[in-house]
Each structure stands twice: as structure tokens, then as C-alpha cells.
N, C-alpha and C. Protein backbone atom coordinates (compact mmCIF):
# COMPACT_ATOMS: atom_id res chain seq x y z
N ALA A 1 -9.47 19.78 -12.57
CA ALA A 1 -10.45 19.53 -13.75
C ALA A 1 -11.11 18.04 -13.40
N ALA A 2 -12.54 18.16 -13.73
CA ALA A 2 -13.12 17.05 -13.10
C ALA A 2 -12.84 16.16 -14.46
N VAL A 3 -12.79 14.63 -13.63
CA VAL A 3 -12.61 13.55 -14.46
C VAL A 3 -13.91 12.63 -14.83
N PRO A 4 -14.02 12.47 -16.03
CA PRO A 4 -15.58 11.90 -16.49
C PRO A 4 -15.54 10.32 -15.72
N ALA A 5 -16.87 10.16 -15.34
CA ALA A 5 -16.88 9.27 -14.62
C ALA A 5 -16.63 7.92 -15.14
N GLY A 6 -16.72 7.81 -16.71
CA GLY A 6 -16.49 6.52 -17.66
C GLY A 6 -14.98 6.54 -17.90
N GLY A 7 -14.33 7.73 -17.92
CA GLY A 7 -12.87 7.29 -17.90
C GLY A 7 -12.21 6.71 -16.75
N LEU A 8 -12.71 7.18 -15.60
CA LEU A 8 -12.32 6.52 -14.35
C LEU A 8 -12.54 5.18 -14.19
N ALA A 9 -13.90 5.00 -14.24
CA ALA A 9 -14.48 3.66 -14.36
C ALA A 9 -13.33 2.69 -15.13
N LEU A 10 -13.07 2.94 -16.29
CA LEU A 10 -12.31 2.14 -17.21
C LEU A 10 -10.82 2.10 -16.67
N LEU A 11 -10.44 3.07 -16.19
CA LEU A 11 -9.07 3.13 -15.71
C LEU A 11 -8.60 2.24 -14.48
N LEU A 12 -9.82 2.41 -13.61
CA LEU A 12 -10.08 1.73 -12.28
C LEU A 12 -10.46 0.05 -12.77
N GLY A 13 -11.35 0.01 -13.55
CA GLY A 13 -11.95 -1.00 -13.95
C GLY A 13 -10.45 -2.56 -14.68
N VAL A 14 -9.95 -1.70 -15.36
CA VAL A 14 -8.66 -2.18 -16.09
C VAL A 14 -7.37 -2.62 -14.80
N LEU A 15 -7.41 -1.61 -13.82
CA LEU A 15 -6.33 -1.94 -12.93
C LEU A 15 -6.84 -2.69 -11.70
N LEU A 16 -7.91 -2.83 -11.36
CA LEU A 16 -8.24 -3.83 -10.06
C LEU A 16 -8.53 -5.17 -10.56
N TRP A 17 -8.73 -5.40 -11.84
CA TRP A 17 -8.99 -6.87 -11.79
C TRP A 17 -7.87 -7.44 -12.65
N ALA A 18 -6.85 -6.76 -13.04
CA ALA A 18 -5.62 -7.16 -13.74
C ALA A 18 -4.71 -8.06 -12.56
N PRO A 19 -3.82 -8.81 -12.81
CA PRO A 19 -2.75 -9.26 -11.95
C PRO A 19 -2.02 -7.99 -11.45
N TRP A 20 -1.68 -7.89 -9.87
CA TRP A 20 -1.16 -6.79 -9.56
C TRP A 20 0.41 -6.71 -10.11
N TRP A 21 1.13 -7.91 -10.31
CA TRP A 21 2.46 -7.69 -10.97
C TRP A 21 2.40 -7.05 -12.80
N ALA A 22 1.20 -7.00 -13.22
CA ALA A 22 0.99 -6.51 -14.53
C ALA A 22 0.55 -4.82 -14.57
N LEU A 23 0.63 -4.41 -13.51
CA LEU A 23 0.10 -3.21 -13.66
C LEU A 23 1.02 -1.91 -14.16
N HIS A 24 2.40 -2.73 -13.98
CA HIS A 24 3.25 -1.36 -14.22
C HIS A 24 3.24 -0.99 -15.55
N GLY A 25 2.72 -1.89 -16.39
CA GLY A 25 3.05 -1.27 -18.04
C GLY A 25 1.38 -0.91 -18.10
N ALA A 26 0.78 -0.67 -17.47
CA ALA A 26 -0.93 -0.32 -18.01
C ALA A 26 -0.68 1.08 -18.90
N PRO A 27 -1.06 1.21 -19.98
CA PRO A 27 -1.04 2.92 -20.77
C PRO A 27 -2.23 3.60 -20.27
N LEU A 28 -2.78 3.40 -19.40
CA LEU A 28 -3.88 4.44 -18.87
C LEU A 28 -3.40 5.53 -18.05
N THR A 29 -3.19 6.54 -18.45
CA THR A 29 -2.74 7.80 -17.80
C THR A 29 -3.44 8.85 -17.57
N GLU A 30 -4.71 8.89 -17.70
CA GLU A 30 -5.70 10.07 -17.93
C GLU A 30 -5.60 10.87 -16.87
N LEU A 31 -5.54 9.92 -15.89
CA LEU A 31 -5.63 10.67 -14.15
C LEU A 31 -4.44 10.88 -13.46
N SER A 32 -3.26 10.71 -14.44
CA SER A 32 -2.10 10.86 -13.38
C SER A 32 -1.87 12.32 -13.55
N GLY A 33 -2.39 13.31 -14.20
CA GLY A 33 -1.90 14.56 -14.08
C GLY A 33 -3.19 15.42 -13.46
N ASP A 34 -4.12 14.59 -13.00
CA ASP A 34 -4.99 15.40 -12.07
C ASP A 34 -4.78 15.30 -10.63
N GLN A 35 -4.59 16.86 -10.26
CA GLN A 35 -3.89 17.12 -9.11
C GLN A 35 -4.67 16.68 -7.65
N ASP A 36 -6.14 17.18 -8.07
CA ASP A 36 -7.39 16.88 -7.16
C ASP A 36 -7.04 15.28 -6.87
N PHE A 37 -7.33 14.51 -8.04
CA PHE A 37 -7.21 12.79 -7.53
C PHE A 37 -5.86 12.37 -6.98
N GLN A 38 -4.64 12.96 -7.38
CA GLN A 38 -3.54 12.65 -6.83
C GLN A 38 -3.24 12.83 -5.15
N LEU A 39 -3.87 14.07 -4.84
CA LEU A 39 -4.02 14.27 -3.68
C LEU A 39 -5.13 13.51 -2.87
N PHE A 40 -5.98 12.97 -3.43
CA PHE A 40 -6.89 12.25 -2.86
C PHE A 40 -5.99 10.52 -2.42
N LEU A 41 -5.34 10.44 -3.43
CA LEU A 41 -4.84 8.98 -3.15
C LEU A 41 -3.31 9.17 -2.27
N GLU A 42 -3.05 10.22 -2.45
CA GLU A 42 -1.68 10.55 -1.57
C GLU A 42 -2.30 10.34 -0.04
N ARG A 43 -3.66 11.18 0.73
CA ARG A 43 -3.95 11.36 1.73
C ARG A 43 -4.78 10.06 2.10
N ASN A 44 -5.04 9.49 0.99
CA ASN A 44 -5.71 8.36 1.72
C ASN A 44 -4.90 7.00 1.62
N LEU A 45 -4.23 6.82 1.23
CA LEU A 45 -3.01 5.77 1.45
C LEU A 45 -2.58 6.17 2.62
N GLU A 46 -2.04 7.28 3.13
CA GLU A 46 -1.41 7.55 4.44
C GLU A 46 -2.68 7.06 5.43
N PHE A 47 -3.82 7.45 5.55
CA PHE A 47 -4.92 6.98 6.22
C PHE A 47 -4.96 5.54 6.26
N THR A 48 -5.19 4.96 5.17
CA THR A 48 -4.58 3.55 4.90
C THR A 48 -3.81 2.58 5.57
N ARG A 49 -2.58 3.42 5.47
CA ARG A 49 -1.45 2.80 6.19
C ARG A 49 -1.53 2.73 7.63
N LYS A 50 -2.01 3.92 8.22
CA LYS A 50 -2.29 4.24 9.36
C LYS A 50 -2.92 3.30 10.17
N ILE A 51 -4.16 3.24 9.53
CA ILE A 51 -5.19 1.90 9.93
C ILE A 51 -4.70 0.77 9.78
N ARG A 52 -3.96 0.26 8.94
CA ARG A 52 -3.29 -1.12 8.91
C ARG A 52 -2.40 -1.05 10.09
N GLY A 53 -1.67 -0.18 10.43
CA GLY A 53 -0.44 -0.15 11.70
C GLY A 53 -1.57 -0.14 12.76
N ASP A 54 -2.52 0.80 12.93
CA ASP A 54 -3.18 0.27 14.00
C ASP A 54 -4.15 -0.92 14.51
N VAL A 55 -4.23 -1.46 13.14
CA VAL A 55 -4.79 -3.18 13.26
C VAL A 55 -3.93 -4.15 13.80
N ALA A 56 -2.54 -3.74 13.17
CA ALA A 56 -1.41 -4.34 13.58
C ALA A 56 -0.93 -4.24 15.03
N ALA A 57 -1.16 -3.17 15.45
CA ALA A 57 -1.05 -2.86 16.87
C ALA A 57 -1.73 -3.74 17.73
N LEU A 58 -3.14 -3.58 17.52
CA LEU A 58 -4.07 -4.56 17.98
C LEU A 58 -4.13 -6.23 18.05
N GLN A 59 -3.53 -6.61 16.93
CA GLN A 59 -3.34 -7.66 16.47
C GLN A 59 -1.99 -8.22 17.76
N ARG A 60 -1.21 -7.40 17.67
CA ARG A 60 0.09 -7.54 18.60
C ARG A 60 -0.48 -7.93 20.06
N VAL A 61 -1.38 -7.11 20.36
CA VAL A 61 -1.86 -7.32 22.00
C VAL A 61 -2.99 -8.37 21.99
N VAL A 62 -3.55 -9.08 21.23
CA VAL A 62 -4.47 -10.14 20.95
C VAL A 62 -3.19 -11.39 21.25
N CYS A 63 -2.03 -11.15 20.45
CA CYS A 63 -1.00 -12.16 20.45
C CYS A 63 -0.49 -11.71 21.94
N ASP A 64 0.01 -11.01 22.51
CA ASP A 64 0.71 -10.73 23.71
C ASP A 64 -0.16 -11.30 25.02
N THR A 65 -1.46 -10.87 24.74
CA THR A 65 -2.37 -10.97 25.84
C THR A 65 -2.59 -12.45 26.04
N PHE A 66 -3.31 -12.87 24.85
CA PHE A 66 -3.95 -14.55 24.62
C PHE A 66 -3.40 -15.45 24.03
N GLN A 67 -2.27 -15.10 23.77
CA GLN A 67 -1.04 -16.09 23.20
C GLN A 67 -1.83 -16.53 21.58
N LEU A 68 -2.64 -16.02 20.86
CA LEU A 68 -3.13 -16.25 19.76
C LEU A 68 -2.49 -15.65 18.81
N CYS A 69 -1.58 -15.95 18.13
CA CYS A 69 -0.95 -15.54 17.38
C CYS A 69 -0.95 -15.77 15.93
N LYS A 70 -1.19 -17.25 15.60
CA LYS A 70 -0.93 -17.70 14.35
C LYS A 70 -2.30 -18.18 13.86
N GLU A 71 -2.61 -17.69 12.78
CA GLU A 71 -3.96 -18.01 12.03
C GLU A 71 -4.17 -19.79 11.84
N GLU A 72 -2.98 -20.44 11.54
CA GLU A 72 -3.14 -21.62 10.93
C GLU A 72 -3.58 -22.83 11.99
N GLU A 73 -3.18 -22.16 13.38
CA GLU A 73 -3.29 -22.81 14.45
C GLU A 73 -4.42 -22.72 15.54
N LEU A 74 -5.44 -21.79 14.56
CA LEU A 74 -7.05 -21.86 15.19
C LEU A 74 -8.14 -21.68 13.93
N LEU A 75 -7.62 -22.35 13.01
CA LEU A 75 -8.62 -22.54 11.72
C LEU A 75 -9.98 -23.64 12.63
N LEU A 76 -9.17 -24.70 13.42
CA LEU A 76 -10.35 -25.75 13.60
C LEU A 76 -11.10 -25.07 14.48
N VAL A 77 -10.85 -23.96 15.26
CA VAL A 77 -11.42 -23.24 16.28
C VAL A 77 -12.86 -22.29 15.56
N ARG A 78 -11.98 -21.92 14.36
CA ARG A 78 -12.73 -20.75 13.52
C ARG A 78 -14.22 -21.52 12.79
N GLN A 79 -13.93 -23.09 12.92
CA GLN A 79 -15.13 -23.26 12.12
C GLN A 79 -16.31 -23.46 13.12
N ASP A 80 -16.14 -23.03 14.17
CA ASP A 80 -17.15 -22.77 15.45
C ASP A 80 -17.50 -21.69 15.53
N LEU A 81 -17.02 -20.70 14.75
CA LEU A 81 -17.53 -19.31 15.00
C LEU A 81 -18.16 -18.61 13.72
N ASP A 82 -19.21 -17.74 13.94
CA ASP A 82 -19.61 -17.10 13.02
C ASP A 82 -19.00 -15.82 12.50
N ILE A 83 -17.50 -15.83 11.98
CA ILE A 83 -16.94 -14.80 11.53
C ILE A 83 -16.89 -14.87 9.98
N THR A 84 -16.89 -14.06 9.08
CA THR A 84 -16.98 -13.89 7.63
C THR A 84 -15.95 -12.87 7.44
N GLN A 85 -15.47 -13.01 6.31
CA GLN A 85 -14.71 -12.19 5.31
C GLN A 85 -15.76 -10.83 4.37
N VAL A 86 -15.74 -9.79 5.25
CA VAL A 86 -16.05 -8.94 4.29
C VAL A 86 -15.94 -8.76 2.95
N PRO A 87 -16.80 -9.02 1.92
CA PRO A 87 -16.55 -9.00 0.48
C PRO A 87 -15.97 -7.89 0.11
N LEU A 88 -15.18 -7.96 -0.91
CA LEU A 88 -14.29 -6.79 -1.46
C LEU A 88 -13.87 -7.61 -3.29
N GLU A 89 -14.85 -8.01 -3.63
CA GLU A 89 -14.48 -8.57 -4.92
C GLU A 89 -15.10 -7.83 -6.00
N GLN A 90 -15.92 -6.80 -5.78
CA GLN A 90 -15.94 -5.60 -6.77
C GLN A 90 -14.40 -4.89 -7.16
N CYS A 91 -13.51 -4.85 -6.45
CA CYS A 91 -12.55 -4.41 -6.73
C CYS A 91 -11.40 -4.85 -7.59
N HIS A 92 -11.77 -6.34 -8.01
CA HIS A 92 -11.12 -7.18 -8.54
C HIS A 92 -11.79 -7.59 -10.21
N ARG A 93 -13.12 -7.89 -10.02
CA ARG A 93 -13.67 -8.02 -11.19
C ARG A 93 -13.46 -7.09 -12.76
N ARG A 94 -13.69 -8.02 -13.59
CA ARG A 94 -13.61 -7.50 -14.95
C ARG A 94 -14.72 -6.64 -15.54
N THR A 95 -15.67 -7.04 -14.78
CA THR A 95 -17.09 -5.86 -14.95
C THR A 95 -16.85 -5.13 -14.08
N PHE A 96 -15.86 -4.48 -13.46
CA PHE A 96 -15.65 -3.47 -12.21
C PHE A 96 -16.06 -2.25 -12.71
N GLN A 97 -16.90 -1.41 -11.64
CA GLN A 97 -17.30 -0.42 -11.60
C GLN A 97 -16.74 0.69 -10.64
N ALA A 98 -16.02 1.93 -10.45
CA ALA A 98 -15.91 2.61 -9.85
C ALA A 98 -16.86 2.88 -8.50
N GLU A 99 -18.13 2.87 -8.97
CA GLU A 99 -19.21 3.06 -8.16
C GLU A 99 -19.05 1.89 -7.00
N THR A 100 -19.07 0.69 -7.81
CA THR A 100 -19.48 -0.34 -6.90
C THR A 100 -18.13 -0.78 -5.99
N CYS A 101 -16.92 -0.71 -6.51
CA CYS A 101 -15.80 -0.79 -5.70
C CYS A 101 -15.86 0.14 -4.59
N PHE A 102 -15.83 1.43 -4.94
CA PHE A 102 -15.73 2.37 -3.80
C PHE A 102 -16.58 1.95 -2.46
N SER A 103 -17.90 2.09 -3.27
CA SER A 103 -18.87 1.58 -2.31
C SER A 103 -19.03 0.39 -1.40
N GLN A 104 -18.24 -0.59 -2.00
CA GLN A 104 -18.21 -1.84 -1.17
C GLN A 104 -16.85 -1.35 -0.42
N ILE A 105 -16.00 -1.06 -0.75
CA ILE A 105 -14.78 -0.41 0.35
C ILE A 105 -15.93 0.18 1.52
N ARG A 106 -16.44 1.12 1.10
CA ARG A 106 -16.99 2.06 2.36
C ARG A 106 -18.10 1.17 3.21
N ALA A 107 -18.84 0.02 2.53
CA ALA A 107 -19.70 -0.62 3.36
C ALA A 107 -18.95 -1.61 3.99
N GLY A 108 -17.56 -1.68 3.61
CA GLY A 108 -16.80 -2.71 4.55
C GLY A 108 -16.24 -2.12 5.45
N LEU A 109 -16.03 -0.55 5.56
CA LEU A 109 -15.83 -0.22 6.80
C LEU A 109 -16.68 0.28 7.86
N ARG A 110 -17.67 0.06 7.29
CA ARG A 110 -19.02 0.27 8.36
C ARG A 110 -19.06 -0.91 8.87
N VAL A 111 -19.19 -2.26 8.10
CA VAL A 111 -18.93 -3.56 9.18
C VAL A 111 -17.97 -3.51 10.17
N TYR A 112 -16.64 -3.10 9.57
CA TYR A 112 -15.59 -3.81 10.49
C TYR A 112 -16.03 -2.09 11.71
N HIS A 113 -16.05 -1.43 11.61
CA HIS A 113 -16.28 -0.25 12.37
C HIS A 113 -17.07 -0.59 13.42
N SER A 114 -18.72 -1.35 13.17
CA SER A 114 -19.34 -1.99 14.14
C SER A 114 -18.34 -3.38 14.95
N SER A 115 -18.01 -4.24 13.96
CA SER A 115 -17.44 -5.22 14.67
C SER A 115 -16.15 -4.74 15.93
N LEU A 116 -15.59 -3.57 15.52
CA LEU A 116 -14.43 -3.19 16.83
C LEU A 116 -15.02 -3.42 18.33
N ALA A 117 -16.47 -3.14 18.08
CA ALA A 117 -17.16 -3.12 19.21
C ALA A 117 -16.99 -4.70 19.92
N THR A 118 -16.69 -5.68 19.45
CA THR A 118 -16.03 -6.88 19.98
C THR A 118 -14.54 -6.97 20.46
N ILE A 119 -13.82 -5.98 19.73
CA ILE A 119 -12.63 -5.91 20.41
C ILE A 119 -12.61 -5.17 21.46
N ARG A 120 -13.44 -4.07 21.28
CA ARG A 120 -13.25 -3.31 22.73
C ARG A 120 -13.43 -3.74 23.64
N ALA A 121 -14.84 -4.42 23.39
CA ALA A 121 -15.15 -5.34 24.90
C ALA A 121 -14.15 -6.48 25.19
N LEU A 122 -13.05 -7.15 24.35
CA LEU A 122 -12.10 -8.11 24.53
C LEU A 122 -10.89 -7.20 25.19
N LEU A 123 -10.59 -6.14 24.65
CA LEU A 123 -9.35 -5.39 24.87
C LEU A 123 -9.72 -3.89 25.71
N ALA A 124 -10.67 -4.20 26.61
CA ALA A 124 -10.81 -3.01 27.46
C ALA A 124 -9.93 -1.92 27.63
N GLY A 125 -8.88 -2.24 28.16
CA GLY A 125 -7.59 -1.36 28.17
C GLY A 125 -7.13 -0.63 27.26
N HIS A 126 -7.35 -1.05 25.85
CA HIS A 126 -6.70 -0.49 24.91
C HIS A 126 -7.95 0.18 24.19
N ALA A 127 -9.14 0.75 24.49
CA ALA A 127 -10.33 1.63 23.94
C ALA A 127 -9.82 2.85 23.33
N GLY A 128 -8.60 3.24 23.73
CA GLY A 128 -8.28 4.66 23.28
C GLY A 128 -7.79 4.16 21.70
N LEU A 129 -7.07 3.27 21.56
CA LEU A 129 -6.51 2.92 20.35
C LEU A 129 -7.65 2.49 19.23
N VAL A 130 -8.64 1.66 19.89
CA VAL A 130 -9.93 1.35 19.20
C VAL A 130 -10.66 2.54 18.57
N ASP A 131 -10.79 3.50 19.70
CA ASP A 131 -11.63 4.88 19.26
C ASP A 131 -10.64 5.42 18.05
N THR A 132 -9.46 5.61 18.39
CA THR A 132 -8.73 6.44 16.93
C THR A 132 -8.99 5.57 16.14
N LEU A 133 -8.76 4.20 15.90
CA LEU A 133 -8.87 3.23 14.80
C LEU A 133 -10.21 3.73 14.45
N GLN A 134 -11.38 3.49 14.81
CA GLN A 134 -12.79 4.02 14.39
C GLN A 134 -12.76 5.37 13.92
N LEU A 135 -12.03 6.65 14.24
CA LEU A 135 -12.22 7.78 13.69
C LEU A 135 -11.46 7.75 12.44
N ASP A 136 -10.42 7.18 12.42
CA ASP A 136 -9.83 7.17 11.26
C ASP A 136 -10.47 6.26 9.89
N MET A 137 -11.02 5.29 10.06
CA MET A 137 -12.09 4.64 9.27
C MET A 137 -13.09 5.25 9.04
N ALA A 138 -13.83 6.02 9.93
CA ALA A 138 -14.86 7.09 9.22
C ALA A 138 -14.38 8.22 8.53
N ASN A 139 -13.10 8.86 8.85
CA ASN A 139 -12.45 10.03 7.80
C ASN A 139 -12.40 9.39 6.63
N LEU A 140 -11.78 8.17 6.68
CA LEU A 140 -11.55 7.51 5.17
C LEU A 140 -12.40 7.19 4.16
N SER A 141 -13.47 6.28 5.10
CA SER A 141 -14.80 6.27 4.16
C SER A 141 -15.60 7.65 3.55
N SER A 142 -15.38 8.90 4.60
CA SER A 142 -16.16 10.33 4.12
C SER A 142 -15.07 10.70 2.95
N ASN A 143 -13.81 10.64 3.02
CA ASN A 143 -13.03 10.99 2.06
C ASN A 143 -13.00 10.37 0.60
N ILE A 144 -13.40 9.16 0.67
CA ILE A 144 -14.02 8.03 -0.55
C ILE A 144 -15.32 8.71 -0.96
N GLN A 145 -16.28 9.19 -0.19
CA GLN A 145 -17.61 9.43 -0.48
C GLN A 145 -17.51 10.93 -0.93
N GLN A 146 -16.56 11.71 -0.53
CA GLN A 146 -16.62 13.06 -1.21
C GLN A 146 -15.68 12.93 -2.69
N GLN A 147 -14.66 12.25 -3.03
CA GLN A 147 -14.03 11.83 -3.96
C GLN A 147 -15.30 11.35 -5.13
N MET A 148 -15.93 10.36 -4.92
CA MET A 148 -16.99 9.85 -5.53
C MET A 148 -17.88 10.84 -6.04
N GLU A 149 -18.18 11.78 -5.13
CA GLU A 149 -19.17 13.14 -5.58
C GLU A 149 -18.26 14.27 -6.39
N ASP A 150 -17.09 14.33 -6.02
CA ASP A 150 -16.56 15.30 -6.71
C ASP A 150 -16.39 14.74 -8.41
N LEU A 151 -16.14 13.58 -8.47
CA LEU A 151 -16.06 13.16 -9.80
C LEU A 151 -17.19 12.69 -10.45
N GLY A 152 -18.30 12.91 -9.98
CA GLY A 152 -19.89 12.61 -10.51
C GLY A 152 -20.09 11.18 -10.43
N LEU A 153 -19.43 10.23 -9.65
CA LEU A 153 -19.93 9.09 -9.27
C LEU A 153 -20.98 8.77 -8.24
N ALA A 154 -21.87 8.04 -8.79
CA ALA A 154 -23.19 7.53 -7.89
C ALA A 154 -22.63 6.80 -6.55
N THR A 155 -23.14 7.48 -5.50
CA THR A 155 -22.59 6.54 -4.53
C THR A 155 -23.89 5.34 -4.11
N VAL A 156 -23.39 4.38 -4.03
CA VAL A 156 -24.15 3.38 -3.52
C VAL A 156 -24.19 2.97 -2.12
N THR A 157 -25.51 2.79 -1.80
CA THR A 157 -25.86 2.62 -0.30
C THR A 157 -26.40 1.61 -0.08
N TYR A 158 -25.70 0.58 0.54
CA TYR A 158 -26.17 -0.88 0.81
C TYR A 158 -27.15 -0.80 2.21
N PRO A 159 -28.29 -1.40 1.87
CA PRO A 159 -29.24 -1.34 3.40
C PRO A 159 -28.86 -1.69 4.38
N THR A 160 -28.99 -1.09 5.44
CA THR A 160 -28.66 -1.28 6.89
C THR A 160 -29.06 -2.86 7.14
N GLU A 161 -30.15 -3.31 6.98
CA GLU A 161 -30.75 -4.45 7.09
C GLU A 161 -29.79 -5.72 6.61
N ASN A 162 -28.91 -5.60 5.31
CA ASN A 162 -28.26 -6.49 4.98
C ASN A 162 -26.80 -6.23 5.74
N GLN A 163 -26.51 -5.77 6.67
CA GLN A 163 -25.44 -5.71 7.54
C GLN A 163 -25.39 -6.68 8.54
N GLU A 164 -24.08 -7.57 8.32
CA GLU A 164 -24.22 -8.34 9.14
C GLU A 164 -24.01 -7.84 10.75
N PRO A 165 -25.07 -8.66 11.57
CA PRO A 165 -25.30 -8.36 13.32
C PRO A 165 -23.67 -8.96 13.64
N LEU A 166 -23.58 -8.05 14.65
CA LEU A 166 -22.34 -8.59 15.74
C LEU A 166 -22.51 -10.36 16.02
N PRO A 167 -21.39 -10.86 15.91
CA PRO A 167 -21.17 -12.24 16.37
C PRO A 167 -21.53 -12.11 17.62
N THR A 168 -21.92 -13.37 18.28
CA THR A 168 -21.79 -13.89 19.43
C THR A 168 -21.46 -15.09 19.67
N PHE A 169 -20.58 -15.28 20.75
CA PHE A 169 -19.38 -16.13 21.12
C PHE A 169 -19.92 -17.00 22.73
N SER A 170 -19.79 -18.17 22.21
CA SER A 170 -20.35 -19.26 23.38
C SER A 170 -19.30 -19.45 24.68
N SER A 171 -18.43 -18.78 24.63
CA SER A 171 -17.31 -18.79 25.80
C SER A 171 -16.19 -17.62 25.25
N HIS A 172 -15.60 -17.44 26.39
CA HIS A 172 -14.65 -16.37 26.64
C HIS A 172 -13.31 -16.47 25.33
N PHE A 173 -12.94 -17.63 25.39
CA PHE A 173 -12.05 -18.22 24.67
C PHE A 173 -12.72 -18.10 23.01
N HIS A 174 -13.61 -18.27 22.80
CA HIS A 174 -14.22 -18.37 21.48
C HIS A 174 -14.47 -16.92 21.16
N HIS A 175 -14.49 -15.96 22.15
CA HIS A 175 -14.73 -14.18 22.13
C HIS A 175 -13.08 -13.97 21.41
N GLN A 176 -12.29 -14.46 22.03
CA GLN A 176 -10.84 -14.20 22.10
C GLN A 176 -10.03 -14.44 20.80
N VAL A 177 -10.87 -15.61 20.31
CA VAL A 177 -10.44 -16.16 18.87
C VAL A 177 -11.58 -15.53 17.71
N GLY A 178 -12.36 -15.37 18.10
CA GLY A 178 -13.48 -13.92 17.10
C GLY A 178 -12.79 -12.92 17.07
N GLY A 179 -12.32 -12.46 18.02
CA GLY A 179 -11.57 -11.14 17.93
C GLY A 179 -10.04 -11.07 16.95
N PHE A 180 -9.71 -12.00 17.27
CA PHE A 180 -8.45 -12.36 16.47
C PHE A 180 -8.68 -12.67 14.70
N PHE A 181 -9.65 -13.18 14.51
CA PHE A 181 -10.21 -13.62 12.87
C PHE A 181 -10.65 -12.34 12.62
N ILE A 182 -11.47 -11.48 13.52
CA ILE A 182 -11.99 -10.00 12.97
C ILE A 182 -11.03 -9.23 12.66
N LEU A 183 -9.90 -9.17 13.47
CA LEU A 183 -8.46 -8.41 12.93
C LEU A 183 -7.91 -8.50 11.94
N ALA A 184 -7.58 -10.18 11.57
CA ALA A 184 -6.99 -10.63 10.36
C ALA A 184 -7.81 -10.28 9.12
N ASN A 185 -9.03 -10.80 9.42
CA ASN A 185 -9.99 -10.21 8.15
C ASN A 185 -9.89 -8.86 7.50
N PHE A 186 -9.82 -7.97 8.72
CA PHE A 186 -9.61 -6.59 8.49
C PHE A 186 -8.62 -6.47 7.78
N GLN A 187 -7.17 -6.60 8.40
CA GLN A 187 -6.15 -6.54 7.61
C GLN A 187 -6.23 -6.79 6.27
N ARG A 188 -6.89 -8.29 5.81
CA ARG A 188 -6.80 -8.52 4.31
C ARG A 188 -7.69 -7.71 4.00
N PHE A 189 -8.51 -7.04 4.32
CA PHE A 189 -9.34 -6.34 3.59
C PHE A 189 -8.75 -5.00 3.41
N LEU A 190 -8.00 -4.49 4.43
CA LEU A 190 -7.22 -3.49 3.65
C LEU A 190 -6.36 -3.16 2.70
N GLU A 191 -5.70 -4.27 2.97
CA GLU A 191 -4.15 -4.42 2.15
C GLU A 191 -4.71 -4.60 0.69
N THR A 192 -6.10 -5.21 0.38
CA THR A 192 -6.51 -4.97 -1.07
C THR A 192 -7.02 -3.85 -1.40
N ALA A 193 -7.57 -2.70 -0.27
CA ALA A 193 -7.98 -1.64 -0.52
C ALA A 193 -6.87 -0.61 -0.71
N TYR A 194 -5.42 -1.08 0.03
CA TYR A 194 -4.30 -0.14 -0.36
C TYR A 194 -3.72 -0.60 -1.64
N ARG A 195 -3.59 -2.11 -2.02
CA ARG A 195 -2.98 -2.23 -3.37
C ARG A 195 -3.63 -1.00 -4.55
N ALA A 196 -5.01 -1.34 -4.22
CA ALA A 196 -5.54 -0.67 -5.37
C ALA A 196 -5.29 1.22 -5.29
N LEU A 197 -5.24 1.91 -4.28
CA LEU A 197 -4.80 2.85 -4.15
C LEU A 197 -3.58 3.14 -4.79
N ARG A 198 -2.58 2.17 -4.25
CA ARG A 198 -1.16 2.39 -4.36
C ARG A 198 -0.79 2.46 -6.03
N HIS A 199 -1.24 1.54 -6.51
CA HIS A 199 -1.35 1.15 -8.26
C HIS A 199 -1.66 2.33 -8.77
N LEU A 200 -2.93 3.10 -8.43
CA LEU A 200 -3.47 4.40 -9.06
C LEU A 200 -2.41 5.21 -8.88
N ALA A 201 -1.97 5.47 -7.95
CA ALA A 201 -0.69 6.43 -7.43
C ALA A 201 0.56 6.56 -8.41
N ASN A 202 0.69 4.96 -8.44
CA ASN A 202 1.94 5.02 -9.58
C ASN A 202 1.94 5.09 -10.89
N LEU A 203 0.76 5.38 -11.03
CA LEU A 203 0.46 5.16 -12.93
C LEU A 203 1.41 6.38 -13.41
């Protein structure tokens, strides 16, 4: 059965701006019996877990190869780099709309998909893992778009000219540290998206 877009937006809005610890008592259960939506959540929780695992594997390679392991030790170097955190604030705001949150997740996946070119250049011997990661990211983005269409939600397309250009680095060391922070930021982005899906699934 189709879920009214307004109901989904209300449900996700309450969930995603609230403190995570407060969500277990949320009284909103209108989607809990929707099998298609539950299948979407289960499938994409698994996708997100797999993507997080692949990112963690690349983080371990960066740690082992370049001895870049602890973020706090690299913060001074980061000031010299043009590395930004892809925003996901639409999934937390009280003014949340399902369209903008899901669209922001998809836009973030596109940015990180492009940013992985930096990782590929840095870790040429692990191109296969980067390829697998990019494929899973594309599948996750496609699944979200399909679910939005199934629920009758408008898909918001962010203009390509607003996409961040790939960062440039003044030295190989800066390239290494840049790769470290791209992966660290991507992992935080994925954790936010994962928490949203997980708490929806636990209703």
C-alpha cells in the first residue's frame, strides 16, 4: 500500500530532528506495517553497513600505508587543505521534509563518489575496493530515488554546477592527509544516514 507523502514527511521529521536516545518511545507507527517500506529499510541498512565497512577498510589501508591513523594528530595540517564535510543537516532539522533529506543523502553520495578519485589515485593498488565501494554507493542512491518515487515524493536534483570540485593538493603528503579526511568525513556522513534508517526500521 502506498504511504501518503505527508505522513512519511511527518514521521521522518519527528524522527530525524529528535535526539537519537529519545526515539525509542516515538508513538508514530504508521509505516511499521508497510512491507515495501520495511524491505527498503532492511536492504539499504545492509547496503549502508557494507559501504561503511569498505570505507573502514580503506581507512585501515591509509593508516597502515602512510601511518595516518588519528584525526586529532592531523588537524593542523587539515587547516591547509580544502576538504569540507558534505552537509546532511536536512536530516536533523525540525523543519525536515523527506524530499530534502533523502535528496541531500543522494547529493552527498554523488560528491563522495567523485571524491573517491582522490582515494583511487592515492591507493592505486586497491582500485578494486574503490570500484566496489562506488558501485554500492550508486546502488544505494538508486534505491533511495526509487523509494521516493514509489512514495510519491518529489526528487530534488541539486545543480551540477554547485558540486564541489575535486580538491587539489600542494604535496604528496597533503594528498595523503586529504585522502584521510575524505574517508573520515564520508564515514561520519554514512553514520548519520545509517542512524536515520535504523531508527525508522525499529519503529
